[in-house]
Protein backbone atom coordinates (compact mmCIF):
# COMPACT_ATOMS: atom_id res chain seq x y z
CA MET A 1 -96.12 112.76 -80.50
CA GLY A 2 -92.56 111.66 -79.79
CA GLY A 3 -93.41 110.86 -76.15
CA LEU A 4 -96.19 108.47 -77.05
CA ALA A 5 -95.68 104.72 -76.85
CA ILE A 6 -96.32 102.87 -80.16
CA ALA A 7 -98.85 100.09 -79.78
CA THR A 8 -98.40 96.81 -81.61
CA VAL A 9 -101.76 95.22 -80.90
CA GLY A 10 -104.42 94.75 -83.57
CA CYS A 11 -107.23 97.16 -84.36
CA GLY A 12 -110.02 96.94 -81.83
CA GLN A 13 -107.85 95.00 -79.35
CA PRO A 14 -107.47 96.41 -75.79
CA VAL A 15 -104.03 97.76 -74.98
CA GLU A 16 -101.82 96.27 -72.32
CA PRO A 17 -102.57 97.23 -68.70
CA ALA A 18 -99.35 99.29 -68.61
CA ALA A 19 -100.61 101.35 -71.51
CA GLN A 20 -104.05 101.75 -69.91
CA ALA A 21 -102.41 103.01 -66.72
CA GLN A 22 -101.10 106.10 -68.51
CA PRO A 23 -103.84 108.72 -68.41
CA GLU A 24 -102.11 110.76 -71.15
CA GLN A 25 -102.77 107.99 -73.72
CA GLU A 26 -106.32 107.36 -72.57
CA GLU A 27 -107.31 111.02 -72.89
CA GLY A 28 -105.40 111.76 -76.12
CA PRO A 29 -106.15 110.51 -79.68
CA ALA A 30 -105.51 106.85 -80.49
CA VAL A 31 -102.08 106.16 -81.88
CA VAL A 32 -102.33 103.97 -84.99
CA ASN A 33 -99.77 102.15 -87.08
CA VAL A 34 -100.69 102.79 -90.74
CA ALA A 35 -99.65 100.99 -93.93
CA MET A 36 -100.19 101.66 -97.62
CA ALA A 37 -102.39 99.16 -99.46
CA ALA A 38 -100.33 97.52 -102.21
CA ALA A 39 -101.57 95.39 -105.11
CA ALA A 40 -101.51 91.65 -104.48
CA GLU A 41 -98.27 90.15 -105.68
CA ASP A 42 -100.02 87.29 -107.45
CA SER A 43 -102.21 89.47 -109.64
CA SER A 44 -99.85 88.45 -112.41
CA ARG A 45 -97.88 85.21 -112.65
CA ILE A 46 -94.94 84.02 -114.71
CA TYR A 47 -95.03 80.52 -116.17
CA THR A 48 -92.06 78.84 -117.78
CA GLY A 49 -91.99 76.44 -120.70
CA THR A 50 -89.67 75.23 -123.45
CA THR A 51 -89.96 75.98 -127.15
CA ARG A 52 -90.52 73.05 -129.48
CA PRO A 53 -91.51 72.61 -133.14
CA VAL A 54 -95.15 72.89 -134.09
CA ARG A 55 -94.69 69.45 -135.69
CA GLN A 56 -92.04 66.87 -134.97
CA VAL A 57 -91.60 63.51 -136.67
CA SER A 58 -89.12 60.65 -136.62
CA LEU A 59 -87.77 59.64 -140.01
CA ARG A 60 -87.80 55.84 -139.78
CA SER A 61 -86.36 53.26 -142.11
CA GLN A 62 -88.89 51.14 -143.98
CA ALA A 63 -86.35 48.55 -145.01
CA GLU A 64 -83.49 46.61 -143.48
CA GLY A 65 -79.96 47.49 -144.47
CA ARG A 66 -76.69 49.12 -143.53
CA LEU A 67 -76.86 52.92 -143.45
CA LEU A 68 -74.42 54.09 -146.10
CA ASP A 69 -74.58 57.85 -145.61
CA LEU A 70 -76.56 60.80 -144.26
CA THR A 71 -76.36 64.03 -146.23
CA VAL A 72 -77.75 66.31 -143.48
CA ASP A 73 -76.72 67.17 -139.93
CA VAL A 74 -78.43 68.70 -136.88
CA GLY A 75 -79.71 72.19 -137.69
CA ASP A 76 -79.78 71.68 -141.47
CA SER A 77 -82.92 72.66 -143.35
CA VAL A 78 -84.72 69.99 -145.36
CA GLN A 79 -87.60 70.00 -147.82
CA ARG A 80 -90.34 67.41 -147.97
CA GLY A 81 -89.35 64.61 -150.37
CA GLN A 82 -85.65 65.47 -150.21
CA VAL A 83 -83.31 62.45 -150.13
CA VAL A 84 -81.33 62.75 -146.88
CA GLY A 85 -79.66 59.33 -146.71
CA ASN A 86 -79.20 55.92 -148.31
CA LEU A 87 -79.22 52.30 -147.25
CA ASP A 88 -77.16 49.51 -148.79
CA ASN A 89 -79.54 48.19 -151.48
CA VAL A 90 -77.62 45.18 -152.82
CA LEU A 91 -79.93 42.64 -151.20
CA LEU A 92 -82.97 44.64 -152.25
CA GLN A 93 -81.78 44.77 -155.88
CA THR A 94 -81.22 41.00 -155.77
CA ALA A 95 -84.75 40.52 -154.49
CA VAL A 96 -86.11 42.67 -157.33
CA GLY A 97 -84.16 40.61 -159.90
CA GLU A 98 -85.50 37.37 -158.46
CA ALA A 99 -89.03 38.70 -158.53
CA GLN A 100 -88.66 39.79 -162.15
CA ALA A 101 -87.32 36.34 -163.14
CA GLU A 102 -90.20 34.63 -161.36
CA LEU A 103 -92.67 36.91 -163.12
CA ALA A 104 -91.18 35.94 -166.50
CA ALA A 105 -91.57 32.25 -165.60
CA ARG A 106 -95.21 32.77 -164.64
CA GLN A 107 -95.87 34.65 -167.86
CA PHE A 108 -94.34 31.74 -169.82
CA GLU A 109 -96.73 29.38 -168.03
CA VAL A 110 -99.63 31.51 -169.21
CA ALA A 111 -98.38 31.55 -172.78
CA GLN A 112 -97.86 27.78 -172.71
CA ALA A 113 -101.33 27.14 -171.32
CA GLN A 114 -102.88 29.46 -173.91
CA ALA A 115 -101.05 27.63 -176.72
CA GLU A 116 -102.30 24.27 -175.45
CA LEU A 117 -105.81 25.69 -175.26
CA ALA A 118 -105.57 26.85 -178.87
CA ASP A 119 -104.45 23.37 -179.95
CA ILE A 120 -107.37 21.77 -178.15
CA ARG A 121 -109.80 24.21 -179.71
CA THR A 122 -108.46 23.21 -183.15
CA SER A 123 -108.88 19.58 -182.18
CA ILE A 124 -112.44 20.11 -181.06
CA GLU A 125 -113.33 21.61 -184.42
CA GLU A 126 -111.94 18.53 -186.11
CA SER A 127 -113.91 16.30 -183.74
CA ARG A 128 -117.06 18.24 -184.48
CA VAL A 129 -116.54 17.76 -188.22
CA ARG A 130 -115.96 14.00 -187.79
CA PHE A 131 -119.00 13.78 -185.55
CA GLN A 132 -121.17 15.53 -188.11
CA GLN A 133 -119.89 13.28 -190.89
CA ALA A 134 -120.47 10.13 -188.79
CA SER A 135 -123.99 11.33 -187.97
CA ASN A 136 -124.80 11.85 -191.66
CA ASP A 137 -123.34 8.45 -192.60
CA ALA A 138 -125.28 6.66 -189.86
CA GLN A 139 -128.58 8.19 -190.94
CA ARG A 140 -127.93 7.42 -194.62
CA LEU A 141 -126.91 3.79 -194.02
CA LYS A 142 -129.81 3.25 -191.65
CA SER A 143 -132.19 4.40 -194.39
CA LEU A 144 -130.51 2.21 -196.97
CA ALA A 145 -130.54 -0.80 -194.65
CA SER A 146 -134.29 -0.39 -194.16
CA GLN A 147 -134.66 -0.52 -197.94
CA GLY A 148 -132.34 -3.53 -198.19
CA ALA A 149 -129.78 -1.59 -200.22
CA VAL A 150 -127.02 -2.24 -197.66
CA SER A 151 -126.57 -4.80 -195.00
CA THR A 152 -127.70 -4.24 -191.42
CA GLN A 153 -124.12 -4.83 -190.31
CA GLU A 154 -122.95 -1.76 -192.26
CA ALA A 155 -125.66 0.36 -190.68
CA GLU A 156 -124.72 -0.82 -187.21
CA GLN A 157 -121.05 -0.12 -187.89
CA ALA A 158 -121.96 3.42 -188.90
CA GLN A 159 -123.83 3.86 -185.58
CA THR A 160 -120.72 2.69 -183.70
CA THR A 161 -118.57 5.18 -185.60
CA LEU A 162 -121.07 7.91 -184.71
CA ALA A 163 -120.89 7.04 -181.00
CA THR A 164 -117.11 7.09 -181.10
CA ALA A 165 -117.07 10.50 -182.81
CA GLU A 166 -119.51 11.85 -180.21
CA GLN A 167 -117.28 10.68 -177.34
CA ALA A 168 -114.23 12.24 -179.01
CA LEU A 169 -116.11 15.55 -179.32
CA GLN A 170 -117.18 15.50 -175.66
CA SER A 171 -113.64 14.66 -174.57
CA SER A 172 -112.26 17.60 -176.56
CA GLN A 173 -114.87 19.93 -175.04
CA GLU A 174 -113.91 18.77 -171.52
CA GLN A 175 -110.23 19.37 -172.30
CA VAL A 176 -111.11 22.92 -173.37
CA ARG A 177 -112.76 23.65 -170.01
CA THR A 178 -109.78 22.16 -168.15
CA ARG A 179 -107.31 24.19 -170.17
CA GLN A 180 -109.33 27.37 -169.69
CA GLN A 181 -109.10 26.86 -165.93
CA ALA A 182 -105.36 26.24 -166.25
CA VAL A 183 -104.93 29.48 -168.19
CA SER A 184 -106.96 31.40 -165.57
CA ALA A 185 -104.87 29.94 -162.73
CA ALA A 186 -101.64 30.80 -164.53
CA GLN A 187 -102.85 34.38 -165.09
CA GLN A 188 -103.66 34.71 -161.39
CA ARG A 189 -100.15 33.54 -160.54
CA VAL A 190 -98.79 36.18 -162.89
CA GLU A 191 -100.81 38.92 -161.12
CA ALA A 192 -99.64 37.65 -157.72
CA GLN A 193 -96.05 37.75 -158.89
CA ARG A 194 -96.53 41.25 -160.28
CA SER A 195 -97.67 42.33 -156.79
CA ILE A 196 -94.57 40.72 -155.29
CA LEU A 197 -92.41 42.54 -157.83
CA ARG A 198 -94.08 45.89 -157.04
CA GLU A 199 -93.52 45.25 -153.34
CA THR A 200 -89.83 44.46 -153.80
CA GLN A 201 -89.41 47.49 -156.05
CA GLN A 202 -91.09 49.60 -153.37
CA ARG A 203 -88.70 48.19 -150.75
CA LEU A 204 -85.83 49.08 -153.07
CA SER A 205 -87.11 52.66 -153.20
CA PHE A 206 -87.04 52.66 -149.37
CA ALA A 207 -83.26 52.48 -149.60
CA ASN A 208 -83.47 56.22 -150.30
CA LEU A 209 -84.43 57.98 -147.06
CA THR A 210 -86.62 61.01 -147.85
CA ALA A 211 -87.78 63.80 -145.54
CA SER A 212 -91.45 63.57 -144.64
CA LEU A 213 -91.83 67.30 -143.89
CA SER A 214 -90.17 70.63 -144.55
CA GLY A 215 -88.23 71.82 -141.54
CA VAL A 216 -84.92 71.28 -139.78
CA VAL A 217 -82.98 68.29 -138.51
CA LEU A 218 -83.34 68.09 -134.73
CA GLU A 219 -81.34 64.92 -134.08
CA ARG A 220 -79.30 62.23 -135.84
CA VAL A 221 -80.42 59.01 -134.21
CA ALA A 222 -78.35 56.67 -136.42
CA GLU A 223 -74.96 57.09 -138.03
CA PRO A 224 -73.47 55.74 -141.30
CA GLY A 225 -72.37 52.16 -140.82
CA ASP A 226 -75.23 51.27 -138.47
CA LEU A 227 -77.47 48.34 -139.35
CA VAL A 228 -80.96 49.75 -139.54
CA LEU A 229 -84.05 47.58 -139.17
CA PRO A 230 -87.53 48.42 -140.47
CA GLY A 231 -89.22 50.92 -138.14
CA GLU A 232 -86.01 52.20 -136.55
CA ALA A 233 -85.54 55.98 -136.33
CA VAL A 234 -82.73 57.55 -138.32
CA LEU A 235 -83.43 61.30 -137.96
CA ALA A 236 -85.73 63.56 -135.93
CA LEU A 237 -87.24 66.37 -138.01
CA GLY A 238 -89.16 69.41 -136.83
CA ASP A 239 -91.29 72.07 -138.46
CA LEU A 240 -90.16 75.40 -136.98
CA SER A 241 -92.37 77.65 -139.10
CA GLN A 242 -94.17 78.00 -135.76
CA VAL A 243 -93.03 77.01 -132.29
CA LEU A 244 -95.01 75.75 -129.34
CA VAL A 245 -94.58 76.56 -125.68
CA VAL A 246 -96.43 74.37 -123.19
CA ILE A 247 -96.97 75.75 -119.69
CA GLU A 248 -98.72 74.11 -116.75
CA VAL A 249 -101.12 76.00 -114.49
CA VAL A 250 -103.10 75.18 -111.39
CA ASP A 251 -106.84 74.84 -111.78
CA ARG A 252 -107.65 78.10 -109.97
CA SER A 253 -105.54 80.01 -112.53
CA LEU A 254 -107.25 78.40 -115.52
CA SER A 255 -109.62 81.36 -115.84
CA ASP A 256 -106.61 83.53 -116.72
CA PHE A 257 -106.41 81.78 -120.11
CA SER A 258 -108.81 81.11 -122.99
CA THR A 259 -108.40 79.57 -126.44
CA GLY A 260 -107.43 82.22 -128.98
CA GLN A 261 -106.12 84.59 -126.32
CA SER A 262 -102.93 86.55 -127.09
CA VAL A 263 -100.18 86.37 -124.49
CA GLU A 264 -96.78 87.99 -124.13
CA LEU A 265 -93.65 85.85 -123.86
CA ALA A 266 -90.00 86.45 -123.15
CA ILE A 267 -87.34 84.03 -124.40
CA ASP A 268 -84.07 83.98 -122.49
CA ALA A 269 -82.08 83.55 -125.71
CA PHE A 270 -83.37 86.97 -126.89
CA PRO A 271 -82.91 89.32 -123.91
CA GLY A 272 -84.93 92.50 -124.05
CA GLU A 273 -87.27 91.19 -126.76
CA SER A 274 -90.94 90.39 -126.37
CA PHE A 275 -92.89 87.85 -128.40
CA THR A 276 -96.62 87.45 -128.88
CA GLY A 277 -98.20 84.01 -128.85
CA GLN A 278 -101.70 82.65 -129.03
CA VAL A 279 -103.30 80.07 -126.76
CA THR A 280 -104.19 77.27 -129.18
CA ARG A 281 -105.08 74.45 -126.82
CA ILE A 282 -106.07 74.03 -123.18
CA SER A 283 -105.86 70.42 -122.08
CA PRO A 284 -109.09 69.10 -120.56
CA VAL A 285 -107.12 66.63 -118.43
CA ALA A 286 -104.82 67.56 -115.55
CA ASP A 287 -101.68 65.63 -114.70
CA SER A 288 -102.66 62.92 -112.23
CA ALA A 289 -99.63 63.55 -110.02
CA SER A 290 -99.12 67.34 -110.09
CA ARG A 291 -102.76 68.30 -110.79
CA LEU A 292 -101.48 70.87 -113.28
CA LEU A 293 -103.24 71.58 -116.58
CA PRO A 294 -101.08 71.91 -119.74
CA ILE A 295 -101.75 74.95 -121.92
CA GLU A 296 -100.31 75.12 -125.44
CA ILE A 297 -99.20 78.47 -126.85
CA THR A 298 -98.23 78.90 -130.52
CA ILE A 299 -95.74 81.55 -131.66
CA ALA A 300 -95.14 82.58 -135.27
CA ASN A 301 -91.52 81.95 -136.26
CA PRO A 302 -90.78 83.47 -139.68
CA GLY A 303 -87.35 82.47 -140.87
CA GLY A 304 -87.02 79.85 -138.14
CA ARG A 305 -85.33 82.35 -135.82
CA ILE A 306 -86.57 80.69 -132.64
CA ASN A 307 -84.93 77.34 -132.10
CA SER A 308 -86.24 74.33 -130.26
CA GLY A 309 -85.42 73.81 -126.58
CA LEU A 310 -85.24 77.48 -125.53
CA LEU A 311 -86.59 78.63 -122.16
CA ALA A 312 -89.68 80.82 -122.53
CA ARG A 313 -91.48 82.81 -119.86
CA VAL A 314 -95.19 83.55 -120.19
CA THR A 315 -96.67 86.37 -118.12
CA SER A 316 -100.29 86.02 -117.09
CA ILE A 317 -102.00 89.33 -116.40
CA GLY A 318 -104.62 87.52 -114.37
CA ASN A 319 -108.07 89.02 -114.15
CA GLN A 320 -106.88 92.64 -113.66
CA THR A 321 -108.53 92.98 -110.23
CA SER A 322 -107.57 95.58 -107.61
CA ALA A 323 -106.90 92.95 -104.95
CA VAL A 324 -104.48 93.92 -102.17
CA ILE A 325 -102.67 92.00 -99.43
CA VAL A 326 -102.92 93.16 -95.78
CA PRO A 327 -101.98 91.60 -92.44
CA GLU A 328 -104.78 89.71 -90.75
CA SER A 329 -104.33 92.02 -87.74
CA ALA A 330 -105.80 94.84 -89.85
CA LEU A 331 -109.20 93.11 -90.01
CA GLU A 332 -112.06 93.99 -87.70
CA THR A 333 -114.73 91.28 -87.50
CA ALA A 334 -118.01 92.33 -85.94
CA GLU A 335 -120.72 89.82 -85.20
CA SER A 336 -123.16 89.20 -88.04
CA SER A 337 -121.26 91.51 -90.39
CA ASP A 338 -118.60 91.38 -93.07
CA PRO A 339 -114.92 91.81 -92.19
CA GLN A 340 -113.90 95.45 -91.90
CA VAL A 341 -110.77 97.60 -92.00
CA PHE A 342 -110.17 101.12 -90.77
CA VAL A 343 -109.12 103.42 -93.59
CA VAL A 344 -107.26 106.65 -92.80
CA SER A 345 -108.32 109.90 -94.45
CA GLU A 346 -107.88 113.57 -93.63
CA THR A 347 -110.48 115.96 -92.27
CA ASP A 348 -109.37 119.60 -91.92
CA GLY A 349 -105.80 118.42 -92.25
CA SER A 350 -106.05 115.91 -89.41
CA PRO A 351 -106.04 112.11 -89.83
CA VAL A 352 -109.39 110.45 -89.24
CA VAL A 353 -110.34 106.76 -89.51
CA GLU A 354 -113.45 105.42 -91.12
CA VAL A 355 -114.62 101.83 -91.05
CA ARG A 356 -115.11 100.03 -94.35
CA SER A 357 -116.51 96.56 -95.14
CA VAL A 358 -114.25 94.40 -97.33
CA GLN A 359 -114.44 91.10 -99.16
CA VAL A 360 -111.60 88.79 -98.25
CA GLY A 361 -109.99 86.00 -100.25
CA ASP A 362 -107.14 83.62 -99.50
CA ARG A 363 -105.37 83.66 -96.13
CA ALA A 364 -101.80 82.47 -95.75
CA ASP A 365 -98.82 83.17 -93.48
CA GLY A 366 -100.67 85.83 -91.48
CA GLN A 367 -101.68 87.71 -94.64
CA VAL A 368 -105.11 88.03 -96.20
CA THR A 369 -106.16 89.03 -99.72
CA ILE A 370 -108.72 91.86 -99.90
CA LEU A 371 -110.74 91.35 -103.07
CA SER A 372 -112.86 94.50 -102.78
CA GLY A 373 -113.40 97.40 -100.41
CA LEU A 374 -109.78 98.54 -100.26
CA ALA A 375 -107.86 99.92 -103.24
CA PRO A 376 -104.13 99.99 -103.82
CA GLY A 377 -102.62 103.24 -102.51
CA GLU A 378 -105.11 103.75 -99.69
CA GLN A 379 -103.87 103.92 -96.10
CA TYR A 380 -105.30 101.44 -93.60
CA VAL A 381 -104.79 100.85 -89.90
CA VAL A 382 -102.58 97.91 -89.04
CA SER A 383 -102.76 98.30 -85.27
CA SER A 384 -104.06 100.81 -82.73
CA SER A 385 -103.33 101.79 -79.15
CA GLN A 386 -107.05 101.60 -78.32
CA PRO A 387 -110.36 100.52 -79.86
CA LEU A 388 -111.43 102.65 -82.82
CA GLU A 389 -114.72 104.04 -84.07
CA SER A 390 -115.61 105.38 -87.50
CA GLY A 391 -114.94 109.12 -87.76
CA GLN A 392 -112.50 109.11 -84.84
CA PRO A 393 -109.41 111.35 -85.07
CA VAL A 394 -106.15 109.46 -84.71
CA GLU A 395 -102.43 110.13 -84.46
CA LEU A 396 -100.05 108.27 -86.79
CA SER A 397 -97.18 106.35 -85.27
CA LEU A 398 -93.61 107.13 -86.24
CA THR A 399 -93.35 103.79 -88.09
CA SER A 400 -96.42 104.34 -90.25
CA GLU A 401 -96.07 104.19 -94.02
CA GLY A 402 -97.22 106.87 -96.37
């Protein structure tokens, strides 16, 4: 076997004329270069992502003022509702005092209007009494005048007095309606001022900065002494009871993941440890530039051991297929048939080749993925010194694997 030349041409390809000119090689068994089928390298993939809180919020000021102090720093734990800082509230306290004084003035207006209304109501009762008396006198004098007991002039004067009393009564009634409207308007102004007071008191309460969630301080955006405007961030807070890792995958690898699936992760900050996460969200929209799809993985974090911003590596086990990678030169393509490879086996202790149909996948850089028909660990022919047939004995080259 040592005197045989090793062919480097593909299976089924004719050898060079020099090789054909040697009768020893033509009469002897074909010399084949054999390799061991190995699992495809991409049957599992590693994706990287960065840990981040399951929830993250910015604590923003709801009032304007100078930041007096912050009682927490980056990494400190906070509880929801905890006071973590204070704004200068002098102007806010002044505004509350002004609103309270204005409310007192409005309330005085109501009391004054109600007192005037009470006086008018007393006056209207007096006018009603005078009107009733004038009406009785007019009727009595009219009757007496018709009998000649009193003069007509007295009867007419009584009618005039009655008309005057009636006008006085109507005027008093109109004043009552006007005063009732004045009281109602004053009461509405009081309610409006109460709303203003509540608003200023609420703004005063905003001078105390309180945490909106339980978690840790991720960042101090402002420092004591800064002038803070409404809506400006002061702290960044995060809930680290769970952490998220977002990875991005190509669309053809999307089938490797499903919502609710458990995945294994490694975090560089904890060498040698493995963490289990769960796929909680698969984005339906790919990035317009990279065409990658974000996948969100949630990891339990009791005690807040895993911090934010750590590098995490997620291993995808793929679809657990037995795909292998072989050189394209190992493929035999017959007309009107599937691609084939020659697999080496032993018969009575001697190597023999048999042809086998395979299903091929991706091709790249002179390599082809065999999806089925060839299993990892099997020997296949990479090249041969002469065309091969199924069942043909062969001789392995010195460079063959296995």
